[in-house]
Each structure stands twice: as C-alpha cells, then as structure tokens.
Protein backbone atom coordinates (compact mmCIF):
# COMPACT_ATOMS: atom_id res chain seq x y z
CA UNK A 1 -32.00 26.75 -2.25
CA UNK A 2 -30.13 23.66 -1.57
CA UNK A 3 -26.55 22.65 -3.30
CA UNK A 4 -25.05 19.25 -4.70
CA UNK A 5 -22.75 18.59 -2.31
CA UNK A 6 -20.86 15.66 -4.07
CA UNK A 7 -20.69 13.36 -6.80
CA UNK A 8 -21.80 9.76 -5.76
CA UNK A 9 -21.41 7.68 -8.23
CA UNK A 10 -21.41 7.99 -12.69
CA UNK A 11 -23.31 5.02 -14.49
CA UNK A 12 -22.03 3.21 -17.52
CA UNK A 13 -24.37 1.35 -19.39
CA UNK A 14 -22.74 -2.16 -20.12
CA UNK A 15 -23.95 -5.50 -22.50
CA UNK A 16 -21.75 -7.05 -19.95
CA UNK A 17 -21.97 -6.68 -16.54
CA UNK A 18 -19.66 -9.84 -16.11
CA UNK A 19 -16.49 -8.60 -18.41
CA UNK A 20 -16.94 -5.38 -17.75
CA UNK A 21 -16.58 -6.20 -13.66
CA UNK A 22 -13.72 -8.37 -14.31
CA UNK A 23 -12.21 -5.52 -16.59
CA UNK A 24 -12.55 -3.35 -13.68
CA UNK A 25 -10.87 -5.39 -11.31
CA UNK A 26 -8.21 -7.15 -13.44
CA UNK A 27 -7.04 -3.97 -15.37
CA UNK A 28 -7.56 -1.23 -12.80
CA UNK A 29 -7.97 -2.57 -9.69
CA UNK A 30 -11.05 -1.08 -8.71
CA UNK A 31 -12.91 -3.37 -5.67
CA UNK A 32 -16.79 -3.83 -6.18
CA UNK A 33 -18.73 -2.04 -3.38
CA UNK A 34 -22.16 -3.54 -3.58
CA UNK A 35 -24.74 -5.21 -6.52
CA UNK A 36 -28.51 -5.09 -6.37
CA UNK A 37 -31.25 -5.26 -9.34
CA UNK A 38 -33.42 -1.42 -9.72
CA UNK A 39 -37.06 -2.14 -9.51
CA UNK A 40 -36.75 -1.66 -13.37
CA UNK A 41 -35.18 -4.65 -13.57
CA UNK A 42 -31.67 -3.23 -14.36
CA UNK A 43 -28.68 -4.86 -12.49
CA UNK A 44 -26.05 -3.28 -11.12
CA UNK A 45 -22.56 -2.98 -9.60
CA UNK A 46 -21.12 -0.16 -8.31
CA UNK A 47 -16.91 -0.41 -8.55
CA UNK A 48 -14.52 1.84 -7.36
CA UNK A 49 -10.49 2.90 -6.71
CA UNK A 50 -9.01 2.57 -3.38
CA UNK A 51 -8.00 5.72 -2.97
CA UNK A 52 -11.56 7.48 -3.67
CA UNK A 53 -15.26 7.69 -2.32
CA UNK A 54 -16.90 8.51 -6.15
CA UNK A 55 -18.01 4.90 -6.97
CA UNK A 56 -18.76 3.73 -10.58
CA UNK A 57 -22.78 1.98 -11.24
CA UNK A 58 -22.30 -0.86 -14.29
CA UNK A 59 -25.43 -0.86 -15.77
CA UNK A 60 -26.93 -3.51 -17.90
CA UNK A 61 -30.60 -3.25 -18.84
CA UNK A 62 -31.41 -4.86 -21.68
CA UNK A 63 -34.26 -3.39 -22.75
CA UNK A 64 -33.42 -0.59 -23.75
CA UNK A 65 -30.83 -2.86 -26.40
CA UNK A 66 -27.46 -3.15 -27.15
CA UNK A 67 -24.34 -0.37 -25.97
CA UNK A 68 -23.17 1.80 -29.05
CA UNK A 69 -20.12 3.97 -27.26
CA UNK A 70 -19.29 7.01 -29.78
CA UNK A 71 -16.18 7.87 -29.78
CA UNK A 72 -14.12 10.47 -27.82
CA UNK A 73 -18.19 10.88 -26.12
CA UNK A 74 -17.52 10.52 -22.42
CA UNK A 75 -14.65 9.36 -20.71
CA UNK A 76 -12.98 8.14 -17.36
CA UNK A 77 -10.08 9.02 -15.86
CA UNK A 78 -7.92 7.45 -13.43
CA UNK A 79 -4.54 8.29 -11.48
CA UNK A 80 -1.93 5.96 -11.72
CA UNK A 81 1.60 5.81 -10.13
CA UNK A 82 3.93 5.20 -13.59
CA UNK A 83 2.01 4.97 -17.00
CA UNK A 84 5.40 2.01 -17.81
CA UNK A 85 4.55 -0.25 -14.81
CA UNK A 86 0.78 0.23 -15.97
CA UNK A 87 2.09 -1.14 -18.93
CA UNK A 88 4.02 -3.58 -18.10
CA UNK A 89 0.98 -4.51 -16.52
CA UNK A 90 -1.39 -4.02 -18.94
CA UNK A 91 1.22 -7.08 -21.05
CA UNK A 92 0.81 -9.23 -18.81
CA UNK A 93 -2.53 -9.43 -19.83
CA UNK A 94 -1.53 -9.61 -23.32
CA UNK A 95 -2.95 -5.79 -23.41
CA UNK A 96 -1.16 -2.48 -24.37
CA UNK A 97 -2.67 0.45 -24.45
CA UNK A 98 -5.08 2.41 -27.52
CA UNK A 99 -3.24 5.45 -27.27
CA UNK A 100 -0.31 7.70 -25.15
CA UNK A 101 1.64 7.05 -23.12
CA UNK A 102 2.40 10.94 -23.70
CA UNK A 103 4.34 12.58 -21.46
CA UNK A 104 4.51 15.92 -21.53
CA UNK A 105 7.54 19.05 -20.14
CA UNK A 106 6.48 19.29 -17.32
CA UNK A 107 6.36 15.49 -16.41
CA UNK A 108 2.29 14.41 -16.66
CA UNK A 109 2.18 11.82 -18.57
CA UNK A 110 -1.68 10.21 -20.16
CA UNK A 111 -2.73 7.13 -22.17
CA UNK A 112 -5.54 5.07 -23.06
CA UNK A 113 -7.23 2.04 -22.99
CA UNK A 114 -10.28 0.94 -24.05
CA UNK A 115 -13.23 -0.88 -22.13
CA UNK A 116 -15.37 -2.99 -23.14
CA UNK A 117 -18.41 -1.17 -24.75
CA UNK A 118 -15.74 1.22 -26.28
CA UNK A 119 -15.70 3.12 -23.09
CA UNK A 120 -11.93 5.23 -22.62
CA UNK A 121 -10.66 4.76 -20.09
CA UNK A 122 -7.66 7.47 -19.30
CA UNK A 123 -4.83 7.26 -17.11
CA UNK A 124 -3.09 9.66 -15.85
CA UNK A 125 0.34 9.62 -13.87
CA UNK A 126 1.87 12.69 -12.11
CA UNK A 127 4.71 15.08 -12.24
CA UNK A 128 7.16 13.09 -9.89
CA UNK A 129 8.66 15.50 -7.08
C-alpha cells in the first residue's frame, strides 16, 4: 500500500485574489511561486514562506459564492523570530494583532492576525535558547 509521502499545499478559497496575495506578501513576506487557471476555471496562486517547502494555494472561484469563514474553523501557523518585532512591522502598516501576544513560562509566544476573508493566522515565537 502506498502512503502519503508529504504535505504539498493547503488551499484557502478567497473572494479577492489580488488583495489576499498582497496580504500574504506584504504582511507575512511570502513569495508567489506560480499562478494559473484550473480546468474548471478557478484562479490559483501558490505562495510559500522562505524557509518552507509546503505551499499555500489561494483560490478564487466565484461560482462557489462568497467565502464565509466560521470562527475558529482553521488557521495557518508561521514561525517568526520575534513577536515584538513582528508587532512593530504590523504597526508600521497600520495593523495590530487580533489576539496576543501571549508568552508562556517556557518562553514560547503566540499571537494572531486576521487575513482577508477572516482566516486566522497564528504567529509563533520559539523560546530563546
């Protein structure tokens, strides 16, 4: 029996593809890897974080109707060097965390921001060694 070998990408459907691409580039520093239209007409943009192999597939498919993200349904998590530094980056763009930052006794920190359409983005700062 052949087993799944590795995670390749995760899809998030969006209403405004270009707004979402700008968000992931400007706020998180992701790079656009490729874009194309699927055989059924979905507009697709694949993005990745600089140190990751896995991709995020942003999909615009108007025939599905508007995107309605339920609270606490799903989120993407990214490691950041410093939540304090990332908070300054957000502030320079007129944004702020939607929750946090929270630092645990071990020194790990988490915070959240909201992406377009309401998807949650978790930011994790690993403990300093």
